[in-house]
């Protein structure tokens, strides 16, 4: 199981997957994502790929290797209907935040 929680302040990376040998694995999300459901879904999907690769002892778990990106494009296509997935919603969120 991967613990998912929100950080108290904005994270520059929007989300972070951490693998703890003794504490378990976690994903920490930027609180800004609370207001952007589709971007949130895409970010969690992205971080869960890191978790999946970690659990399967794949050394690519912490890098965005071609294997990682292929898996992300496949899942984006299934979930969002396009290979770029969360990027569209992430860009809309960025535009909205820039207007504020």
C-alpha atoms as a PDB file:
ATOM      1  CA  UNK A   1       0.000   0.000   0.000  1.00  0.00           C
ATOM      2  CA  UNK A   2       1.153   3.501  -0.818  1.00  0.00           C
ATOM      3  CA  UNK A   3       0.250   6.247   1.632  1.00  0.00           C
ATOM      4  CA  UNK A   4      -1.012   9.352  -0.187  1.00  0.00           C
ATOM      5  CA  UNK A   5      -1.125  12.702   1.596  1.00  0.00           C
ATOM      6  CA  UNK A   6      -0.957  16.421   0.945  1.00  0.00           C
ATOM      7  CA  UNK A   7       2.011  18.562   1.886  1.00  0.00           C
ATOM      8  CA  UNK A   8       1.387  21.639   4.008  1.00  0.00           C
ATOM      9  CA  UNK A   9       2.945  23.934   1.395  1.00  0.00           C
ATOM     10  CA  UNK A  10       3.281  23.859  -2.383  1.00  0.00           C
ATOM     11  CA  UNK A  11       5.874  21.401  -3.695  1.00  0.00           C
ATOM     12  CA  UNK A  12       8.000  22.509  -6.606  1.00  0.00           C
ATOM     13  CA  UNK A  13       7.623  19.022  -8.126  1.00  0.00           C
ATOM     14  CA  UNK A  14       3.798  18.921  -7.559  1.00  0.00           C
ATOM     15  CA  UNK A  15       4.167  15.414  -6.109  1.00  0.00           C
ATOM     16  CA  UNK A  16       6.886  13.115  -4.829  1.00  0.00           C
ATOM     17  CA  UNK A  17       7.026   9.319  -4.495  1.00  0.00           C
ATOM     18  CA  UNK A  18       9.307   8.107  -1.730  1.00  0.00           C
ATOM     19  CA  UNK A  19      10.331   4.525  -1.117  1.00  0.00           C
ATOM     20  CA  UNK A  20      11.013   3.784   2.538  1.00  0.00           C
ATOM     21  CA  UNK A  21      12.357   0.339   3.288  1.00  0.00           C
ATOM     22  CA  UNK A  22      11.031   0.332   6.865  1.00  0.00           C
ATOM     23  CA  UNK A  23       8.309   3.025   6.872  1.00  0.00           C
ATOM     24  CA  UNK A  24       6.599   1.990   3.645  1.00  0.00           C
ATOM     25  CA  UNK A  25       6.046   3.950   0.470  1.00  0.00           C
ATOM     26  CA  UNK A  26       4.386   7.327   0.144  1.00  0.00           C
ATOM     27  CA  UNK A  27       3.227   9.932  -2.318  1.00  0.00           C
ATOM     28  CA  UNK A  28       3.132  13.520  -1.112  1.00  0.00           C
ATOM     29  CA  UNK A  29       1.003  15.901  -3.175  1.00  0.00           C
ATOM     30  CA  UNK A  30       1.083  19.674  -3.458  1.00  0.00           C
ATOM     31  CA  UNK A  31      -2.073  21.099  -1.815  1.00  0.00           C
ATOM     32  CA  UNK A  32      -2.786  23.149  -4.958  1.00  0.00           C
ATOM     33  CA  UNK A  33      -3.890  19.920  -6.652  1.00  0.00           C
ATOM     34  CA  UNK A  34      -6.950  19.714  -4.366  1.00  0.00           C
ATOM     35  CA  UNK A  35      -8.712  22.176  -6.664  1.00  0.00           C
ATOM     36  CA  UNK A  36      -7.764  20.503  -9.954  1.00  0.00           C
ATOM     37  CA  UNK A  37      -9.273  17.012 -10.102  1.00  0.00           C
ATOM     38  CA  UNK A  38      -8.069  15.993 -13.573  1.00  0.00           C
ATOM     39  CA  UNK A  39      -4.533  17.248 -12.954  1.00  0.00           C
ATOM     40  CA  UNK A  40      -4.600  15.457  -9.594  1.00  0.00           C
ATOM     41  CA  UNK A  41      -5.594  12.184 -11.276  1.00  0.00           C
ATOM     42  CA  UNK A  42      -2.768  12.487 -13.773  1.00  0.00           C
ATOM     43  CA  UNK A  43      -0.189  13.330 -11.127  1.00  0.00           C
ATOM     44  CA  UNK A  44      -1.256  10.387  -8.945  1.00  0.00           C
ATOM     45  CA  UNK A  45      -1.181   8.090 -11.985  1.00  0.00           C
ATOM     46  CA  UNK A  46       2.367   9.268 -12.743  1.00  0.00           C
ATOM     47  CA  UNK A  47       3.542   8.712  -9.172  1.00  0.00           C
ATOM     48  CA  UNK A  48       1.874   5.287  -9.012  1.00  0.00           C
ATOM     49  CA  UNK A  49       3.971   4.204 -11.999  1.00  0.00           C
ATOM     50  CA  UNK A  50       7.025   5.023  -9.888  1.00  0.00           C
ATOM     51  CA  UNK A  51       5.512   2.906  -7.090  1.00  0.00           C
ATOM     52  CA  UNK A  52       4.697   0.018  -9.440  1.00  0.00           C
ATOM     53  CA  UNK A  53       8.245  -0.072 -10.771  1.00  0.00           C
ATOM     54  CA  UNK A  54       9.628   0.159  -7.223  1.00  0.00           C
ATOM     55  CA  UNK A  55       7.504  -2.802  -6.079  1.00  0.00           C
ATOM     56  CA  UNK A  56       8.663  -4.817  -9.060  1.00  0.00           C
ATOM     57  CA  UNK A  57      12.298  -4.059  -8.222  1.00  0.00           C
ATOM     58  CA  UNK A  58      12.784  -2.301 -11.510  1.00  0.00           C
ATOM     59  CA  UNK A  59      15.810   0.017 -11.348  1.00  0.00           C
ATOM     60  CA  UNK A  60      13.929   2.471 -13.587  1.00  0.00           C
ATOM     61  CA  UNK A  61      11.549   3.342 -10.735  1.00  0.00           C
ATOM     62  CA  UNK A  62      13.199   6.672 -10.005  1.00  0.00           C
ATOM     63  CA  UNK A  63      13.931   7.735 -13.569  1.00  0.00           C
ATOM     64  CA  UNK A  64      11.720   8.632 -16.521  1.00  0.00           C
ATOM     65  CA  UNK A  65      13.193   5.932 -18.735  1.00  0.00           C
ATOM     66  CA  UNK A  66      11.685   4.900 -22.091  1.00  0.00           C
ATOM     67  CA  UNK A  67      10.036   1.979 -20.239  1.00  0.00           C
ATOM     68  CA  UNK A  68       8.517   4.371 -17.702  1.00  0.00           C
ATOM     69  CA  UNK A  69       7.295   6.764 -20.407  1.00  0.00           C
ATOM     70  CA  UNK A  70       5.789   3.919 -22.462  1.00  0.00           C
ATOM     71  CA  UNK A  71       3.859   2.729 -19.421  1.00  0.00           C
ATOM     72  CA  UNK A  72       2.702   6.275 -18.707  1.00  0.00           C
ATOM     73  CA  UNK A  73       1.528   6.800 -22.306  1.00  0.00           C
ATOM     74  CA  UNK A  74      -0.379   3.495 -22.254  1.00  0.00           C
ATOM     75  CA  UNK A  75      -2.127   4.346 -18.990  1.00  0.00           C
ATOM     76  CA  UNK A  76      -2.825   7.921 -20.119  1.00  0.00           C
ATOM     77  CA  UNK A  77      -4.433   6.589 -23.293  1.00  0.00           C
ATOM     78  CA  UNK A  78      -6.650   4.259 -21.251  1.00  0.00           C
ATOM     79  CA  UNK A  79      -7.612   6.795 -18.593  1.00  0.00           C
ATOM     80  CA  UNK A  80      -7.636  10.129 -20.425  1.00  0.00           C
ATOM     81  CA  UNK A  81      -8.037   9.014 -24.037  1.00  0.00           C
ATOM     82  CA  UNK A  82      -4.682  10.447 -25.167  1.00  0.00           C
ATOM     83  CA  UNK A  83      -1.019   9.669 -24.607  1.00  0.00           C
ATOM     84  CA  UNK A  84      -0.277  13.026 -22.962  1.00  0.00           C
ATOM     85  CA  UNK A  85      -2.944  12.504 -20.305  1.00  0.00           C
ATOM     86  CA  UNK A  86      -2.495  14.825 -17.390  1.00  0.00           C
ATOM     87  CA  UNK A  87      -0.348  17.314 -19.326  1.00  0.00           C
ATOM     88  CA  UNK A  88      -3.442  18.937 -20.861  1.00  0.00           C
ATOM     89  CA  UNK A  89      -5.055  19.362 -17.445  1.00  0.00           C
ATOM     90  CA  UNK A  90      -1.777  20.293 -15.832  1.00  0.00           C
ATOM     91  CA  UNK A  91      -1.293  23.069 -18.420  1.00  0.00           C
ATOM     92  CA  UNK A  92      -4.838  24.339 -17.771  1.00  0.00           C
ATOM     93  CA  UNK A  93      -4.116  24.388 -14.050  1.00  0.00           C
ATOM     94  CA  UNK A  94      -0.881  26.336 -14.626  1.00  0.00           C
ATOM     95  CA  UNK A  95      -2.721  28.891 -16.789  1.00  0.00           C
ATOM     96  CA  UNK A  96      -5.367  29.309 -14.104  1.00  0.00           C
ATOM     97  CA  UNK A  97      -2.758  29.775 -11.378  1.00  0.00           C
ATOM     98  CA  UNK A  98      -0.847  32.296 -13.520  1.00  0.00           C
ATOM     99  CA  UNK A  99      -4.004  34.451 -13.817  1.00  0.00           C
ATOM    100  CA  UNK A 100      -4.264  34.783 -10.022  1.00  0.00           C
END
